Amino acid sequence: MIQLIVFRAIQGMGGGGVLTLAMIIISDVVSLKERGKYQGITGVVVVLSNSCGPIIGGLLTERVSWRWCFVSCPSREMTSADDSTSTYP
């Protein structure tokens, strides 16, 4: 149980770091005039994923099977691979 708590804490710090880094990139790339709009969109995505994700995951595991929680994994992996091979100006 201690190991689960420790690794969940590490996961939480990583998630917080990713969100903070996304906000820093938005503030660096987007002009001051439109920064609020983009950070608002990012905030809405975070709120929706934090509120709807566990509900959908719980419904899938209770009603269908826990294996359905991993259906979107191949599409996420392909998206990540595509993002990592892209070159930006």
N, C-alpha and C. Protein backbone atom coordinates (compact mmCIF):
# COMPACT_ATOMS: atom_id res chain seq x y z
N MET A 1 0.82 -1.19 0.00
CA MET A 1 0.00 0.00 0.00
C MET A 1 0.86 1.26 0.00
N ILE A 2 1.98 1.21 0.70
CA ILE A 2 2.89 2.36 0.73
C ILE A 2 3.41 2.66 -0.68
N GLN A 3 3.74 1.60 -1.41
CA GLN A 3 4.24 1.78 -2.77
C GLN A 3 3.20 2.45 -3.65
N LEU A 4 1.94 2.06 -3.52
CA LEU A 4 0.86 2.68 -4.29
C LEU A 4 0.74 4.16 -3.97
N ILE A 5 0.82 4.51 -2.72
CA ILE A 5 0.72 5.92 -2.31
C ILE A 5 1.89 6.73 -2.85
N VAL A 6 3.09 6.18 -2.76
CA VAL A 6 4.28 6.89 -3.23
C VAL A 6 4.22 7.13 -4.73
N PHE A 7 3.86 6.09 -5.49
CA PHE A 7 3.83 6.25 -6.94
C PHE A 7 2.66 7.13 -7.39
N ARG A 8 1.56 7.13 -6.65
CA ARG A 8 0.44 8.02 -6.97
C ARG A 8 0.86 9.47 -6.71
N ALA A 9 1.65 9.71 -5.69
CA ALA A 9 2.16 11.06 -5.43
C ALA A 9 3.09 11.52 -6.56
N ILE A 10 3.94 10.62 -7.02
CA ILE A 10 4.84 10.96 -8.14
C ILE A 10 4.02 11.25 -9.39
N GLN A 11 2.97 10.47 -9.63
CA GLN A 11 2.11 10.70 -10.78
C GLN A 11 1.42 12.06 -10.68
N GLY A 12 0.97 12.42 -9.50
CA GLY A 12 0.32 13.71 -9.31
C GLY A 12 1.26 14.88 -9.55
N MET A 13 2.50 14.75 -9.10
CA MET A 13 3.48 15.81 -9.34
C MET A 13 3.78 15.93 -10.84
N GLY A 14 3.85 14.81 -11.54
CA GLY A 14 4.08 14.86 -12.98
C GLY A 14 2.93 15.51 -13.72
N GLY A 15 1.70 15.18 -13.33
CA GLY A 15 0.53 15.79 -13.95
C GLY A 15 0.47 17.28 -13.71
N GLY A 16 0.80 17.70 -12.49
CA GLY A 16 0.84 19.13 -12.20
C GLY A 16 1.92 19.84 -12.99
N GLY A 17 3.05 19.17 -13.19
CA GLY A 17 4.13 19.74 -13.99
C GLY A 17 3.75 19.89 -15.44
N VAL A 18 3.02 18.92 -15.97
CA VAL A 18 2.59 18.99 -17.38
C VAL A 18 1.62 20.15 -17.57
N LEU A 19 0.67 20.30 -16.65
CA LEU A 19 -0.29 21.40 -16.76
C LEU A 19 0.41 22.75 -16.64
N THR A 20 1.34 22.86 -15.71
CA THR A 20 2.08 24.11 -15.54
C THR A 20 2.90 24.43 -16.79
N LEU A 21 3.54 23.41 -17.35
CA LEU A 21 4.33 23.62 -18.56
C LEU A 21 3.45 24.04 -19.73
N ALA A 22 2.25 23.47 -19.84
CA ALA A 22 1.33 23.87 -20.91
C ALA A 22 0.94 25.34 -20.76
N MET A 23 0.67 25.77 -19.54
CA MET A 23 0.33 27.17 -19.31
C MET A 23 1.51 28.10 -19.62
N ILE A 24 2.72 27.67 -19.29
CA ILE A 24 3.90 28.47 -19.60
C ILE A 24 4.09 28.59 -21.10
N ILE A 25 3.90 27.50 -21.82
CA ILE A 25 4.04 27.54 -23.29
C ILE A 25 2.99 28.45 -23.90
N ILE A 26 1.75 28.35 -23.40
CA ILE A 26 0.69 29.23 -23.92
C ILE A 26 1.04 30.69 -23.66
N SER A 27 1.53 31.00 -22.48
CA SER A 27 1.86 32.40 -22.19
C SER A 27 3.06 32.89 -22.99
N ASP A 28 3.90 31.98 -23.43
CA ASP A 28 5.07 32.36 -24.20
C ASP A 28 4.74 32.52 -25.68
N VAL A 29 3.81 31.72 -26.19
CA VAL A 29 3.52 31.69 -27.63
C VAL A 29 2.39 32.64 -28.02
N VAL A 30 1.37 32.72 -27.19
CA VAL A 30 0.17 33.48 -27.53
C VAL A 30 0.31 34.92 -27.04
N SER A 31 -0.24 35.85 -27.81
CA SER A 31 -0.15 37.26 -27.43
C SER A 31 -0.97 37.52 -26.17
N LEU A 32 -0.64 38.61 -25.51
CA LEU A 32 -1.29 38.95 -24.25
C LEU A 32 -2.79 39.16 -24.42
N LYS A 33 -3.18 39.64 -25.60
CA LYS A 33 -4.58 39.91 -25.87
C LYS A 33 -5.42 38.63 -25.91
N GLU A 34 -4.88 37.54 -26.43
CA GLU A 34 -5.64 36.30 -26.58
C GLU A 34 -5.23 35.23 -25.57
N ARG A 35 -4.36 35.54 -24.66
CA ARG A 35 -3.85 34.55 -23.71
C ARG A 35 -4.95 34.00 -22.80
N GLY A 36 -5.84 34.85 -22.35
CA GLY A 36 -6.92 34.40 -21.48
C GLY A 36 -7.83 33.38 -22.13
N LYS A 37 -8.09 33.58 -23.43
CA LYS A 37 -8.95 32.65 -24.15
C LYS A 37 -8.32 31.26 -24.21
N TYR A 38 -7.05 31.19 -24.53
CA TYR A 38 -6.38 29.90 -24.66
C TYR A 38 -6.19 29.22 -23.30
N GLN A 39 -5.88 30.00 -22.28
CA GLN A 39 -5.75 29.41 -20.96
C GLN A 39 -7.12 28.99 -20.41
N GLY A 40 -8.17 29.68 -20.80
CA GLY A 40 -9.51 29.26 -20.44
C GLY A 40 -9.91 27.96 -21.09
N ILE A 41 -9.55 27.80 -22.36
CA ILE A 41 -9.83 26.55 -23.06
C ILE A 41 -9.07 25.40 -22.40
N THR A 42 -7.82 25.65 -22.04
CA THR A 42 -7.03 24.62 -21.34
C THR A 42 -7.66 24.27 -20.01
N GLY A 43 -8.14 25.25 -19.29
CA GLY A 43 -8.80 25.01 -18.01
C GLY A 43 -10.07 24.19 -18.16
N VAL A 44 -10.85 24.48 -19.20
CA VAL A 44 -12.08 23.72 -19.45
C VAL A 44 -11.75 22.26 -19.75
N VAL A 45 -10.71 22.03 -20.55
CA VAL A 45 -10.31 20.66 -20.86
C VAL A 45 -9.89 19.92 -19.60
N VAL A 46 -9.15 20.58 -18.73
CA VAL A 46 -8.71 19.94 -17.48
C VAL A 46 -9.92 19.61 -16.60
N VAL A 47 -10.85 20.54 -16.48
CA VAL A 47 -12.04 20.30 -15.65
C VAL A 47 -12.87 19.15 -16.21
N LEU A 48 -13.08 19.15 -17.52
CA LEU A 48 -13.87 18.07 -18.12
C LEU A 48 -13.18 16.71 -17.99
N SER A 49 -11.88 16.68 -18.18
CA SER A 49 -11.18 15.40 -18.07
C SER A 49 -11.13 14.90 -16.63
N ASN A 50 -10.98 15.82 -15.67
CA ASN A 50 -10.96 15.40 -14.27
C ASN A 50 -12.33 14.99 -13.76
N SER A 51 -13.40 15.54 -14.33
CA SER A 51 -14.73 15.19 -13.85
C SER A 51 -15.36 14.06 -14.64
N CYS A 52 -15.21 14.06 -15.94
CA CYS A 52 -15.87 13.04 -16.77
C CYS A 52 -15.03 11.77 -16.92
N GLY A 53 -13.72 11.87 -16.87
CA GLY A 53 -12.86 10.70 -17.06
C GLY A 53 -13.11 9.59 -16.06
N PRO A 54 -13.09 9.88 -14.75
CA PRO A 54 -13.36 8.82 -13.78
C PRO A 54 -14.78 8.24 -13.88
N ILE A 55 -15.74 9.08 -14.23
CA ILE A 55 -17.12 8.59 -14.36
C ILE A 55 -17.22 7.63 -15.54
N ILE A 56 -16.66 8.02 -16.67
CA ILE A 56 -16.69 7.14 -17.85
C ILE A 56 -15.91 5.86 -17.58
N GLY A 57 -14.75 5.98 -16.96
CA GLY A 57 -13.96 4.79 -16.62
C GLY A 57 -14.70 3.86 -15.67
N GLY A 58 -15.37 4.44 -14.68
CA GLY A 58 -16.15 3.62 -13.75
C GLY A 58 -17.31 2.94 -14.41
N LEU A 59 -18.00 3.66 -15.30
CA LEU A 59 -19.11 3.04 -16.04
C LEU A 59 -18.62 1.90 -16.93
N LEU A 60 -17.50 2.12 -17.60
CA LEU A 60 -16.96 1.06 -18.46
C LEU A 60 -16.59 -0.19 -17.66
N THR A 61 -15.94 0.01 -16.53
CA THR A 61 -15.51 -1.15 -15.75
C THR A 61 -16.68 -1.85 -15.07
N GLU A 62 -17.71 -1.11 -14.67
CA GLU A 62 -18.85 -1.73 -14.00
C GLU A 62 -19.82 -2.37 -14.97
N ARG A 63 -20.09 -1.72 -16.09
CA ARG A 63 -21.13 -2.18 -17.01
C ARG A 63 -20.61 -3.13 -18.08
N VAL A 64 -19.43 -2.86 -18.62
CA VAL A 64 -18.92 -3.66 -19.74
C VAL A 64 -17.81 -4.58 -19.22
N SER A 65 -16.61 -4.08 -19.16
CA SER A 65 -15.46 -4.82 -18.66
C SER A 65 -14.32 -3.83 -18.48
N TRP A 66 -13.41 -4.13 -17.57
CA TRP A 66 -12.30 -3.22 -17.32
C TRP A 66 -11.39 -3.12 -18.53
N ARG A 67 -11.43 -4.11 -19.43
CA ARG A 67 -10.57 -4.08 -20.62
C ARG A 67 -10.95 -2.96 -21.58
N TRP A 68 -12.19 -2.49 -21.52
CA TRP A 68 -12.63 -1.42 -22.40
C TRP A 68 -11.99 -0.08 -22.04
N CYS A 69 -11.40 0.02 -20.88
CA CYS A 69 -10.72 1.27 -20.51
C CYS A 69 -9.48 1.51 -21.37
N PHE A 70 -8.97 0.46 -22.02
CA PHE A 70 -7.75 0.57 -22.81
C PHE A 70 -8.02 0.59 -24.31
N VAL A 71 -9.26 0.80 -24.72
CA VAL A 71 -9.61 0.80 -26.14
C VAL A 71 -8.92 1.95 -26.86
N SER A 72 -8.81 3.11 -26.22
CA SER A 72 -8.25 4.27 -26.90
C SER A 72 -6.72 4.30 -26.86
N CYS A 73 -6.08 3.33 -26.25
CA CYS A 73 -4.62 3.34 -26.14
C CYS A 73 -3.90 3.35 -27.50
N PRO A 74 -4.29 2.51 -28.47
CA PRO A 74 -3.56 2.56 -29.76
C PRO A 74 -3.68 3.91 -30.46
N SER A 75 -4.84 4.54 -30.38
CA SER A 75 -4.98 5.85 -31.03
C SER A 75 -4.12 6.90 -30.33
N ARG A 76 -4.02 6.83 -29.00
CA ARG A 76 -3.16 7.77 -28.27
C ARG A 76 -1.70 7.53 -28.60
N GLU A 77 -1.32 6.28 -28.75
CA GLU A 77 0.08 5.98 -29.08
C GLU A 77 0.43 6.47 -30.47
N MET A 78 -0.49 6.31 -31.42
CA MET A 78 -0.21 6.81 -32.78
C MET A 78 -0.13 8.32 -32.79
N THR A 79 -0.99 8.99 -32.03
CA THR A 79 -0.95 10.45 -31.96
C THR A 79 0.36 10.92 -31.34
N SER A 80 0.79 10.24 -30.29
CA SER A 80 2.06 10.61 -29.65
C SER A 80 3.24 10.39 -30.59
N ALA A 81 3.21 9.29 -31.33
CA ALA A 81 4.29 9.02 -32.27
C ALA A 81 4.30 10.05 -33.39
N ASP A 82 3.12 10.47 -33.84
CA ASP A 82 3.04 11.47 -34.89
C ASP A 82 3.55 12.82 -34.38
N ASP A 83 3.21 13.16 -33.14
CA ASP A 83 3.67 14.43 -32.57
C ASP A 83 5.18 14.44 -32.39
N SER A 84 5.75 13.30 -32.02
CA SER A 84 7.19 13.28 -31.75
C SER A 84 8.01 13.31 -33.02
N THR A 85 7.42 12.93 -34.16
CA THR A 85 8.17 12.95 -35.42
C THR A 85 7.96 14.25 -36.19
N SER A 86 7.04 15.08 -35.73
CA SER A 86 6.80 16.33 -36.41
C SER A 86 7.93 17.30 -36.15
N THR A 87 8.18 18.13 -37.14
CA THR A 87 9.17 19.19 -36.96
C THR A 87 8.45 20.52 -36.94
N TYR A 88 8.86 21.36 -36.02
CA TYR A 88 8.23 22.67 -35.88
C TYR A 88 9.23 23.74 -36.33
N PRO A 89 8.69 24.80 -36.94
CA PRO A 89 9.59 25.87 -37.43
C PRO A 89 10.30 26.59 -36.33
